[in-house]
All heavy atoms as atom14 arrays in JSON, in Angstrom:
{
  "sequence": "SCPSDCAQAPINDIGFFPHVRDGKRGFSVYAAGGLGPQPFLARP",
  "atom14_mask": [
    [1, 1, 1, 1, 1, 1, 0, 0, 0, 0, 0, 0, 0, 0],
    [1, 1, 1, 1, 1, 1, 0, 0, 0, 0, 0, 0, 0, 0],
    [1, 1, 1, 1, 1, 1, 1, 0, 0, 0, 0, 0, 0, 0],
    [1, 1, 1, 1, 1, 1, 0, 0, 0, 0, 0, 0, 0, 0],
    [1, 1, 1, 1, 1, 1, 1, 1, 0, 0, 0, 0, 0, 0],
    [1, 1, 1, 1, 1, 1, 0, 0, 0, 0, 0, 0, 0, 0],
    [1, 1, 1, 1, 1, 0, 0, 0, 0, 0, 0, 0, 0, 0],
    [1, 1, 1, 1, 1, 1, 1, 1, 1, 0, 0, 0, 0, 0],
    [1, 1, 1, 1, 1, 0, 0, 0, 0, 0, 0, 0, 0, 0],
    [1, 1, 1, 1, 1, 1, 1, 0, 0, 0, 0, 0, 0, 0],
    [1, 1, 1, 1, 1, 1, 1, 1, 0, 0, 0, 0, 0, 0],
    [1, 1, 1, 1, 1, 1, 1, 1, 0, 0, 0, 0, 0, 0],
    [1, 1, 1, 1, 1, 1, 1, 1, 0, 0, 0, 0, 0, 0],
    [1, 1, 1, 1, 1, 1, 1, 1, 0, 0, 0, 0, 0, 0],
    [1, 1, 1, 1, 0, 0, 0, 0, 0, 0, 0, 0, 0, 0],
    [1, 1, 1, 1, 1, 1, 1, 1, 1, 1, 1, 0, 0, 0],
    [1, 1, 1, 1, 1, 1, 1, 1, 1, 1, 1, 0, 0, 0],
    [1, 1, 1, 1, 1, 1, 1, 0, 0, 0, 0, 0, 0, 0],
    [1, 1, 1, 1, 1, 1, 1, 1, 1, 1, 0, 0, 0, 0],
    [1, 1, 1, 1, 1, 1, 1, 0, 0, 0, 0, 0, 0, 0],
    [1, 1, 1, 1, 1, 1, 1, 1, 1, 1, 1, 0, 0, 0],
    [1, 1, 1, 1, 1, 1, 1, 1, 0, 0, 0, 0, 0, 0],
    [1, 1, 1, 1, 0, 0, 0, 0, 0, 0, 0, 0, 0, 0],
    [1, 1, 1, 1, 1, 1, 1, 1, 1, 0, 0, 0, 0, 0],
    [1, 1, 1, 1, 1, 1, 1, 1, 1, 1, 1, 0, 0, 0],
    [1, 1, 1, 1, 0, 0, 0, 0, 0, 0, 0, 0, 0, 0],
    [1, 1, 1, 1, 1, 1, 1, 1, 1, 1, 1, 0, 0, 0],
    [1, 1, 1, 1, 1, 1, 0, 0, 0, 0, 0, 0, 0, 0],
    [1, 1, 1, 1, 1, 1, 1, 0, 0, 0, 0, 0, 0, 0],
    [1, 1, 1, 1, 1, 1, 1, 1, 1, 1, 1, 1, 0, 0],
    [1, 1, 1, 1, 1, 0, 0, 0, 0, 0, 0, 0, 0, 0],
    [1, 1, 1, 1, 1, 0, 0, 0, 0, 0, 0, 0, 0, 0],
    [1, 1, 1, 1, 0, 0, 0, 0, 0, 0, 0, 0, 0, 0],
    [1, 1, 1, 1, 0, 0, 0, 0, 0, 0, 0, 0, 0, 0],
    [1, 1, 1, 1, 1, 1, 1, 1, 0, 0, 0, 0, 0, 0],
    [1, 1, 1, 1, 0, 0, 0, 0, 0, 0, 0, 0, 0, 0],
    [1, 1, 1, 1, 1, 1, 1, 0, 0, 0, 0, 0, 0, 0],
    [1, 1, 1, 1, 1, 1, 1, 1, 1, 0, 0, 0, 0, 0],
    [1, 1, 1, 1, 1, 1, 1, 0, 0, 0, 0, 0, 0, 0],
    [1, 1, 1, 1, 1, 1, 1, 1, 1, 1, 1, 0, 0, 0],
    [1, 1, 1, 1, 1, 1, 1, 1, 0, 0, 0, 0, 0, 0],
    [1, 1, 1, 1, 1, 0, 0, 0, 0, 0, 0, 0, 0, 0],
    [1, 1, 1, 1, 1, 1, 1, 1, 1, 1, 1, 0, 0, 0],
    [1, 1, 1, 1, 1, 1, 1, 0, 0, 0, 0, 0, 0, 0]
  ],
  "atom14_positions": [
    [[5.78, 0.31, -6.06], [7.16, 0.88, -6.41], [7.07, 2.18, -7.23], [7.58, 3.14, -6.81], [7.96, -0.15, -7.17], [9.28, 0.33, -7.46], [0.0, 0.0, 0.0], [0.0, 0.0, 0.0], [0.0, 0.0, 0.0], [0.0, 0.0, 0.0], [0.0, 0.0, 0.0], [0.0, 0.0, 0.0], [0.0, 0.0, 0.0], [0.0, 0.0, 0.0]],
    [[6.27, 2.09, -8.3], [6.22, 3.24, -9.24], [5.15, 4.23, -8.74], [4.18, 3.9, -8.06], [6.03, 2.81, -10.64], [4.45, 2.0, -10.9], [0.0, 0.0, 0.0], [0.0, 0.0, 0.0], [0.0, 0.0, 0.0], [0.0, 0.0, 0.0], [0.0, 0.0, 0.0], [0.0, 0.0, 0.0], [0.0, 0.0, 0.0], [0.0, 0.0, 0.0]],
    [[5.22, 5.5, -9.19], [4.18, 6.51, -8.83], [2.76, 6.18, -9.15], [1.84, 6.56, -8.49], [4.61, 7.84, -9.56], [6.09, 7.57, -9.92], [6.22, 6.13, -10.11], [0.0, 0.0, 0.0], [0.0, 0.0, 0.0], [0.0, 0.0, 0.0], [0.0, 0.0, 0.0], [0.0, 0.0, 0.0], [0.0, 0.0, 0.0], [0.0, 0.0, 0.0]],
    [[2.56, 5.38, -10.23], [1.13, 4.98, -10.63], [0.7, 3.82, -9.83], [-0.48, 3.42, -10.04], [1.15, 4.66, -12.15], [2.04, 3.63, -12.45], [0.0, 0.0, 0.0], [0.0, 0.0, 0.0], [0.0, 0.0, 0.0], [0.0, 0.0, 0.0], [0.0, 0.0, 0.0], [0.0, 0.0, 0.0], [0.0, 0.0, 0.0], [0.0, 0.0, 0.0]],
    [[1.45, 3.23, -8.92], [1.01, 2.1, -8.13], [0.45, 1.04, -8.91], [-0.69, 0.56, -8.71], [0.05, 2.54, -6.99], [-0.3, 1.4, -6.14], [0.52, 0.51, -5.89], [-1.48, 1.4, -5.62], [0.0, 0.0, 0.0], [0.0, 0.0, 0.0], [0.0, 0.0, 0.0], [0.0, 0.0, 0.0], [0.0, 0.0, 0.0], [0.0, 0.0, 0.0]],
    [[1.19, 0.6, -9.92], [0.62, -0.53, -10.84], [0.51, -1.87, -10.11], [-0.24, -2.74, -10.55], [1.47, -0.74, -12.09], [3.16, -1.32, -11.8], [0.0, 0.0, 0.0], [0.0, 0.0, 0.0], [0.0, 0.0, 0.0], [0.0, 0.0, 0.0], [0.0, 0.0, 0.0], [0.0, 0.0, 0.0], [0.0, 0.0, 0.0], [0.0, 0.0, 0.0]],
    [[0.98, -1.99, -8.87], [0.86, -3.12, -8.07], [-0.52, -3.09, -7.36], [-0.94, -4.12, -6.8], [1.92, -3.33, -7.03], [0.0, 0.0, 0.0], [0.0, 0.0, 0.0], [0.0, 0.0, 0.0], [0.0, 0.0, 0.0], [0.0, 0.0, 0.0], [0.0, 0.0, 0.0], [0.0, 0.0, 0.0], [0.0, 0.0, 0.0], [0.0, 0.0, 0.0]],
    [[-1.16, -1.98, -7.37], [-2.5, -1.87, -6.77], [-2.49, -2.3, -5.28], [-3.34, -3.06, -4.78], [-3.55, -2.63, -7.53], [-3.67, -2.1, -8.99], [-4.48, -3.06, -9.77], [-4.58, -4.26, -9.55], [-5.03, -2.53, -10.96], [0.0, 0.0, 0.0], [0.0, 0.0, 0.0], [0.0, 0.0, 0.0], [0.0, 0.0, 0.0], [0.0, 0.0, 0.0]],
    [[-1.54, -1.8, -4.51], [-1.3, -2.15, -3.15], [-2.55, -1.9, -2.32], [-2.84, -2.72, -1.32], [-0.07, -1.48, -2.6], [0.0, 0.0, 0.0], [0.0, 0.0, 0.0], [0.0, 0.0, 0.0], [0.0, 0.0, 0.0], [0.0, 0.0, 0.0], [0.0, 0.0, 0.0], [0.0, 0.0, 0.0], [0.0, 0.0, 0.0], [0.0, 0.0, 0.0]],
    [[-3.33, -0.82, -2.45], [-4.45, -0.56, -1.54], [-5.56, -1.54, -1.58], [-6.47, -1.41, -0.67], [-4.92, 0.86, -1.95], [-3.78, 1.42, -2.71], [-3.12, 0.33, -3.37], [0.0, 0.0, 0.0], [0.0, 0.0, 0.0], [0.0, 0.0, 0.0], [0.0, 0.0, 0.0], [0.0, 0.0, 0.0], [0.0, 0.0, 0.0], [0.0, 0.0, 0.0]],
    [[-5.6, -2.48, -2.51], [-6.72, -3.45, -2.47], [-6.16, -4.81, -1.97], [-6.8, -5.79, -2.21], [-7.37, -3.62, -3.95], [-6.29, -4.03, -4.95], [-7.99, -2.36, -4.26], [-6.93, -4.41, -6.3], [0.0, 0.0, 0.0], [0.0, 0.0, 0.0], [0.0, 0.0, 0.0], [0.0, 0.0, 0.0], [0.0, 0.0, 0.0], [0.0, 0.0, 0.0]],
    [[-5.08, -4.79, -1.26], [-4.51, -6.0, -0.63], [-4.65, -5.94, 0.89], [-4.87, -4.89, 1.51], [-3.04, -6.09, -1.0], [-2.8, -6.59, -2.45], [-2.68, -7.76, -2.7], [-2.91, -5.6, -3.34], [0.0, 0.0, 0.0], [0.0, 0.0, 0.0], [0.0, 0.0, 0.0], [0.0, 0.0, 0.0], [0.0, 0.0, 0.0], [0.0, 0.0, 0.0]],
    [[-4.49, -7.14, 1.47], [-4.51, -7.24, 2.99], [-3.37, -6.45, 3.63], [-3.56, -5.79, 4.65], [-4.55, -8.69, 3.44], [-5.72, -9.41, 2.98], [-6.81, -9.13, 3.53], [-5.69, -10.24, 2.08], [0.0, 0.0, 0.0], [0.0, 0.0, 0.0], [0.0, 0.0, 0.0], [0.0, 0.0, 0.0], [0.0, 0.0, 0.0], [0.0, 0.0, 0.0]],
    [[-2.21, -6.47, 2.87], [-1.12, -5.54, 3.37], [-0.59, -4.93, 2.09], [-0.3, -5.63, 1.11], [0.04, -6.35, 4.07], [-0.51, -7.02, 5.33], [1.1, -5.34, 4.5], [0.62, -7.78, 6.07], [0.0, 0.0, 0.0], [0.0, 0.0, 0.0], [0.0, 0.0, 0.0], [0.0, 0.0, 0.0], [0.0, 0.0, 0.0], [0.0, 0.0, 0.0]],
    [[-0.36, -3.62, 2.1], [0.3, -2.94, 1.0], [1.48, -2.17, 1.47], [1.42, -1.47, 2.53], [0.0, 0.0, 0.0], [0.0, 0.0, 0.0], [0.0, 0.0, 0.0], [0.0, 0.0, 0.0], [0.0, 0.0, 0.0], [0.0, 0.0, 0.0], [0.0, 0.0, 0.0], [0.0, 0.0, 0.0], [0.0, 0.0, 0.0], [0.0, 0.0, 0.0]],
    [[2.64, -2.3, 0.79], [3.84, -1.63, 1.13], [4.13, -0.55, 0.13], [4.15, -0.76, -1.1], [5.03, -2.6, 1.2], [5.05, -3.5, 2.4], [4.35, -4.74, 2.34], [5.68, -3.17, 3.49], [4.41, -5.53, 3.42], [5.74, -3.98, 4.6], [5.05, -5.25, 4.53], [0.0, 0.0, 0.0], [0.0, 0.0, 0.0], [0.0, 0.0, 0.0]],
    [[4.53, 0.65, 0.58], [4.89, 1.75, -0.33], [6.26, 2.22, 0.09], [6.52, 2.55, 1.22], [3.94, 2.94, -0.23], [2.58, 2.57, -0.75], [1.6, 2.01, 0.23], [2.11, 2.77, -1.99], [0.35, 1.69, -0.22], [0.84, 2.53, -2.43], [-0.03, 1.97, -1.58], [0.0, 0.0, 0.0], [0.0, 0.0, 0.0], [0.0, 0.0, 0.0]],
    [[7.2, 2.31, -0.8], [8.65, 2.64, -0.49], [8.79, 4.07, -0.04], [8.12, 4.97, -0.63], [9.42, 2.36, -1.81], [8.43, 2.47, -2.89], [7.09, 2.0, -2.26], [0.0, 0.0, 0.0], [0.0, 0.0, 0.0], [0.0, 0.0, 0.0], [0.0, 0.0, 0.0], [0.0, 0.0, 0.0], [0.0, 0.0, 0.0], [0.0, 0.0, 0.0]],
    [[9.6, 4.32, 0.98], [9.95, 5.66, 1.38], [11.38, 5.66, 1.81], [11.98, 4.67, 2.11], [9.03, 6.1, 2.58], [7.69, 6.46, 2.15], [7.36, 7.64, 1.62], [6.5, 5.75, 2.28], [5.99, 7.66, 1.41], [5.51, 6.53, 1.8], [0.0, 0.0, 0.0], [0.0, 0.0, 0.0], [0.0, 0.0, 0.0], [0.0, 0.0, 0.0]],
    [[12.0, 6.87, 1.79], [13.34, 7.07, 2.32], [13.22, 8.19, 3.38], [12.76, 9.3, 3.03], [14.3, 7.45, 1.24], [15.67, 7.8, 1.85], [14.46, 6.23, 0.21], [0.0, 0.0, 0.0], [0.0, 0.0, 0.0], [0.0, 0.0, 0.0], [0.0, 0.0, 0.0], [0.0, 0.0, 0.0], [0.0, 0.0, 0.0], [0.0, 0.0, 0.0]],
    [[13.66, 7.91, 4.6], [13.61, 8.87, 5.7], [14.98, 9.06, 6.27], [15.55, 8.05, 6.72], [12.64, 8.46, 6.75], [12.56, 9.37, 8.0], [11.51, 8.82, 8.94], [10.11, 9.03, 8.48], [9.03, 8.66, 9.19], [9.2, 8.22, 10.37], [7.9, 8.85, 8.68], [0.0, 0.0, 0.0], [0.0, 0.0, 0.0], [0.0, 0.0, 0.0]],
    [[15.51, 10.23, 6.21], [16.88, 10.55, 6.77], [17.89, 9.53, 6.11], [18.8, 9.07, 6.79], [16.91, 10.4, 8.21], [15.93, 11.43, 8.87], [15.77, 12.47, 8.33], [15.37, 11.16, 9.94], [0.0, 0.0, 0.0], [0.0, 0.0, 0.0], [0.0, 0.0, 0.0], [0.0, 0.0, 0.0], [0.0, 0.0, 0.0], [0.0, 0.0, 0.0]],
    [[17.75, 9.34, 4.84], [18.63, 8.44, 4.15], [18.48, 6.96, 4.35], [19.2, 6.13, 3.83], [0.0, 0.0, 0.0], [0.0, 0.0, 0.0], [0.0, 0.0, 0.0], [0.0, 0.0, 0.0], [0.0, 0.0, 0.0], [0.0, 0.0, 0.0], [0.0, 0.0, 0.0], [0.0, 0.0, 0.0], [0.0, 0.0, 0.0], [0.0, 0.0, 0.0]],
    [[17.4, 6.59, 5.17], [17.14, 5.19, 5.45], [16.01, 4.67, 4.65], [14.89, 5.32, 4.62], [16.86, 5.1, 7.0], [16.82, 3.61, 7.45], [16.66, 3.62, 8.94], [16.71, 2.23, 9.51], [17.92, 1.51, 9.32], [0.0, 0.0, 0.0], [0.0, 0.0, 0.0], [0.0, 0.0, 0.0], [0.0, 0.0, 0.0], [0.0, 0.0, 0.0]],
    [[16.1, 3.54, 4.04], [15.07, 2.95, 3.31], [14.01, 2.33, 4.18], [14.33, 1.68, 5.16], [15.61, 1.84, 2.31], [16.47, 2.41, 1.23], [17.01, 1.28, 0.34], [17.76, 1.86, -0.82], [18.31, 1.07, -1.72], [18.24, -0.28, -1.65], [18.94, 1.61, -2.75], [0.0, 0.0, 0.0], [0.0, 0.0, 0.0], [0.0, 0.0, 0.0]],
    [[12.77, 2.47, 3.75], [11.72, 1.81, 4.53], [10.41, 1.88, 3.73], [10.31, 2.18, 2.5], [0.0, 0.0, 0.0], [0.0, 0.0, 0.0], [0.0, 0.0, 0.0], [0.0, 0.0, 0.0], [0.0, 0.0, 0.0], [0.0, 0.0, 0.0], [0.0, 0.0, 0.0], [0.0, 0.0, 0.0], [0.0, 0.0, 0.0], [0.0, 0.0, 0.0]],
    [[9.27, 1.45, 4.39], [7.95, 1.44, 3.75], [6.96, 2.12, 4.7], [7.02, 1.96, 5.92], [7.53, -0.05, 3.54], [8.39, -0.82, 2.65], [9.29, -1.77, 3.16], [8.24, -0.68, 1.29], [10.1, -2.52, 2.32], [9.07, -1.45, 0.45], [9.97, -2.36, 0.95], [0.0, 0.0, 0.0], [0.0, 0.0, 0.0], [0.0, 0.0, 0.0]],
    [[5.96, 2.74, 4.05], [4.74, 2.99, 4.76], [3.83, 1.78, 4.55], [3.87, 1.16, 3.47], [4.04, 4.23, 4.28], [3.68, 4.16, 2.88], [0.0, 0.0, 0.0], [0.0, 0.0, 0.0], [0.0, 0.0, 0.0], [0.0, 0.0, 0.0], [0.0, 0.0, 0.0], [0.0, 0.0, 0.0], [0.0, 0.0, 0.0], [0.0, 0.0, 0.0]],
    [[3.14, 1.36, 5.61], [2.43, 0.16, 5.56], [0.9, 0.38, 5.74], [0.53, 1.03, 6.63], [2.97, -0.84, 6.73], [2.21, -2.21, 6.6], [4.47, -1.02, 6.6], [0.0, 0.0, 0.0], [0.0, 0.0, 0.0], [0.0, 0.0, 0.0], [0.0, 0.0, 0.0], [0.0, 0.0, 0.0], [0.0, 0.0, 0.0], [0.0, 0.0, 0.0]],
    [[0.17, -0.19, 4.79], [-1.26, -0.11, 4.84], [-1.91, -1.57, 4.99], [-1.17, -2.52, 4.64], [-1.85, 0.48, 3.53], [-1.64, 2.03, 3.39], [-0.34, 2.53, 3.43], [-2.75, 2.86, 3.31], [-0.15, 3.92, 3.32], [-2.56, 4.21, 3.2], [-1.25, 4.73, 3.24], [-1.1, 6.17, 3.11], [0.0, 0.0, 0.0], [0.0, 0.0, 0.0]],
    [[-3.05, -1.59, 5.5], [-3.66, -2.94, 5.68], [-5.2, -2.9, 5.53], [-5.8, -1.83, 5.65], [-3.32, -3.41, 7.16], [0.0, 0.0, 0.0], [0.0, 0.0, 0.0], [0.0, 0.0, 0.0], [0.0, 0.0, 0.0], [0.0, 0.0, 0.0], [0.0, 0.0, 0.0], [0.0, 0.0, 0.0], [0.0, 0.0, 0.0], [0.0, 0.0, 0.0]],
    [[-5.66, -4.07, 5.29], [-7.19, -4.35, 5.29], [-7.83, -3.89, 3.96], [-9.02, -3.67, 3.95], [-7.84, -3.74, 6.44], [0.0, 0.0, 0.0], [0.0, 0.0, 0.0], [0.0, 0.0, 0.0], [0.0, 0.0, 0.0], [0.0, 0.0, 0.0], [0.0, 0.0, 0.0], [0.0, 0.0, 0.0], [0.0, 0.0, 0.0], [0.0, 0.0, 0.0]],
    [[-7.07, -3.85, 2.86], [-7.73, -3.61, 1.62], [-8.32, -4.88, 0.96], [-7.89, -6.0, 1.36], [0.0, 0.0, 0.0], [0.0, 0.0, 0.0], [0.0, 0.0, 0.0], [0.0, 0.0, 0.0], [0.0, 0.0, 0.0], [0.0, 0.0, 0.0], [0.0, 0.0, 0.0], [0.0, 0.0, 0.0], [0.0, 0.0, 0.0], [0.0, 0.0, 0.0]],
    [[-9.25, -4.69, 0.05], [-9.86, -5.83, -0.62], [-10.97, -5.43, -1.52], [-11.55, -4.34, -1.39], [0.0, 0.0, 0.0], [0.0, 0.0, 0.0], [0.0, 0.0, 0.0], [0.0, 0.0, 0.0], [0.0, 0.0, 0.0], [0.0, 0.0, 0.0], [0.0, 0.0, 0.0], [0.0, 0.0, 0.0], [0.0, 0.0, 0.0], [0.0, 0.0, 0.0]],
    [[-11.28, -6.28, -2.53], [-12.39, -6.02, -3.45], [-13.62, -6.86, -3.01], [-13.99, -6.83, -1.88], [-11.89, -6.32, -4.81], [-10.78, -5.4, -5.39], [-10.38, -5.82, -6.83], [-11.22, -3.93, -5.36], [0.0, 0.0, 0.0], [0.0, 0.0, 0.0], [0.0, 0.0, 0.0], [0.0, 0.0, 0.0], [0.0, 0.0, 0.0], [0.0, 0.0, 0.0]],
    [[-14.19, -7.5, -4.03], [-15.41, -8.32, -3.64], [-16.61, -7.45, -3.65], [-16.71, -6.29, -4.07], [0.0, 0.0, 0.0], [0.0, 0.0, 0.0], [0.0, 0.0, 0.0], [0.0, 0.0, 0.0], [0.0, 0.0, 0.0], [0.0, 0.0, 0.0], [0.0, 0.0, 0.0], [0.0, 0.0, 0.0], [0.0, 0.0, 0.0], [0.0, 0.0, 0.0]],
    [[-17.7, -7.98, -2.99], [-19.01, -7.3, -2.98], [-18.9, -5.93, -2.23], [-19.73, -4.98, -2.46], [-19.96, -8.2, -2.28], [-19.25, -9.5, -2.18], [-17.81, -9.29, -2.36], [0.0, 0.0, 0.0], [0.0, 0.0, 0.0], [0.0, 0.0, 0.0], [0.0, 0.0, 0.0], [0.0, 0.0, 0.0], [0.0, 0.0, 0.0], [0.0, 0.0, 0.0]],
    [[-18.03, -5.85, -1.28], [-17.89, -4.62, -0.48], [-16.37, -4.15, -0.54], [-15.63, -4.44, 0.39], [-18.32, -4.86, 1.03], [-19.74, -5.14, 1.16], [-20.12, -5.39, 2.6], [-19.56, -6.17, 3.36], [-21.18, -4.74, 3.01], [0.0, 0.0, 0.0], [0.0, 0.0, 0.0], [0.0, 0.0, 0.0], [0.0, 0.0, 0.0], [0.0, 0.0, 0.0]],
    [[-15.99, -3.5, -1.61], [-14.57, -3.06, -1.75], [-14.22, -2.15, -0.65], [-14.99, -1.29, -0.21], [-14.62, -2.41, -3.17], [-16.03, -2.12, -3.44], [-16.8, -3.12, -2.78], [0.0, 0.0, 0.0], [0.0, 0.0, 0.0], [0.0, 0.0, 0.0], [0.0, 0.0, 0.0], [0.0, 0.0, 0.0], [0.0, 0.0, 0.0], [0.0, 0.0, 0.0]],
    [[-12.9, -2.21, -0.23], [-12.51, -1.44, 0.89], [-11.0, -1.12, 0.63], [-10.23, -2.06, 0.42], [-12.63, -2.15, 2.2], [-12.47, -1.42, 3.43], [-13.35, -0.54, 3.91], [-11.22, -1.52, 4.1], [-13.2, 0.18, 5.08], [-11.0, -0.81, 5.35], [-12.03, 0.03, 5.83], [0.0, 0.0, 0.0], [0.0, 0.0, 0.0], [0.0, 0.0, 0.0]],
    [[-10.57, 0.12, 0.67], [-9.16, 0.47, 0.43], [-8.4, 0.34, 1.72], [-8.94, 0.68, 2.81], [-9.09, 1.93, -0.05], [-9.59, 2.21, -1.46], [-9.45, 3.66, -1.87], [-8.83, 1.34, -2.51], [0.0, 0.0, 0.0], [0.0, 0.0, 0.0], [0.0, 0.0, 0.0], [0.0, 0.0, 0.0], [0.0, 0.0, 0.0], [0.0, 0.0, 0.0]],
    [[-7.18, -0.17, 1.64], [-6.38, -0.35, 2.8], [-6.14, 0.97, 3.56], [-6.13, 2.0, 2.91], [-5.02, -0.94, 2.34], [0.0, 0.0, 0.0], [0.0, 0.0, 0.0], [0.0, 0.0, 0.0], [0.0, 0.0, 0.0], [0.0, 0.0, 0.0], [0.0, 0.0, 0.0], [0.0, 0.0, 0.0], [0.0, 0.0, 0.0], [0.0, 0.0, 0.0]],
    [[-5.98, 0.84, 4.85], [-5.73, 2.02, 5.67], [-4.39, 2.1, 6.24], [-3.77, 0.95, 6.44], [-6.8, 2.01, 6.88], [-8.23, 2.01, 6.37], [-8.6, 3.28, 5.59], [-10.03, 3.46, 5.49], [-10.81, 3.15, 4.48], [-10.25, 2.59, 3.41], [-12.08, 3.43, 4.5], [0.0, 0.0, 0.0], [0.0, 0.0, 0.0], [0.0, 0.0, 0.0]],
    [[-3.78, 3.26, 6.57], [-2.47, 3.26, 7.05], [-2.3, 2.63, 8.44], [-3.18, 2.87, 9.34], [-2.13, 4.76, 7.13], [-3.54, 5.43, 7.09], [-4.4, 4.6, 6.36], [0.0, 0.0, 0.0], [0.0, 0.0, 0.0], [0.0, 0.0, 0.0], [0.0, 0.0, 0.0], [0.0, 0.0, 0.0], [0.0, 0.0, 0.0], [0.0, 0.0, 0.0]]
  ]
}
């Protein structure tokens, strides 16, 4: 939600980021993030 992404969405299996397009609310959606021995940031 906030600019600093305190929810740490990119290290989740699905991460949602709020956007407004042409006055319509929505999300950009990222997937496949995770930590562990092989950390991987979610991709759009």
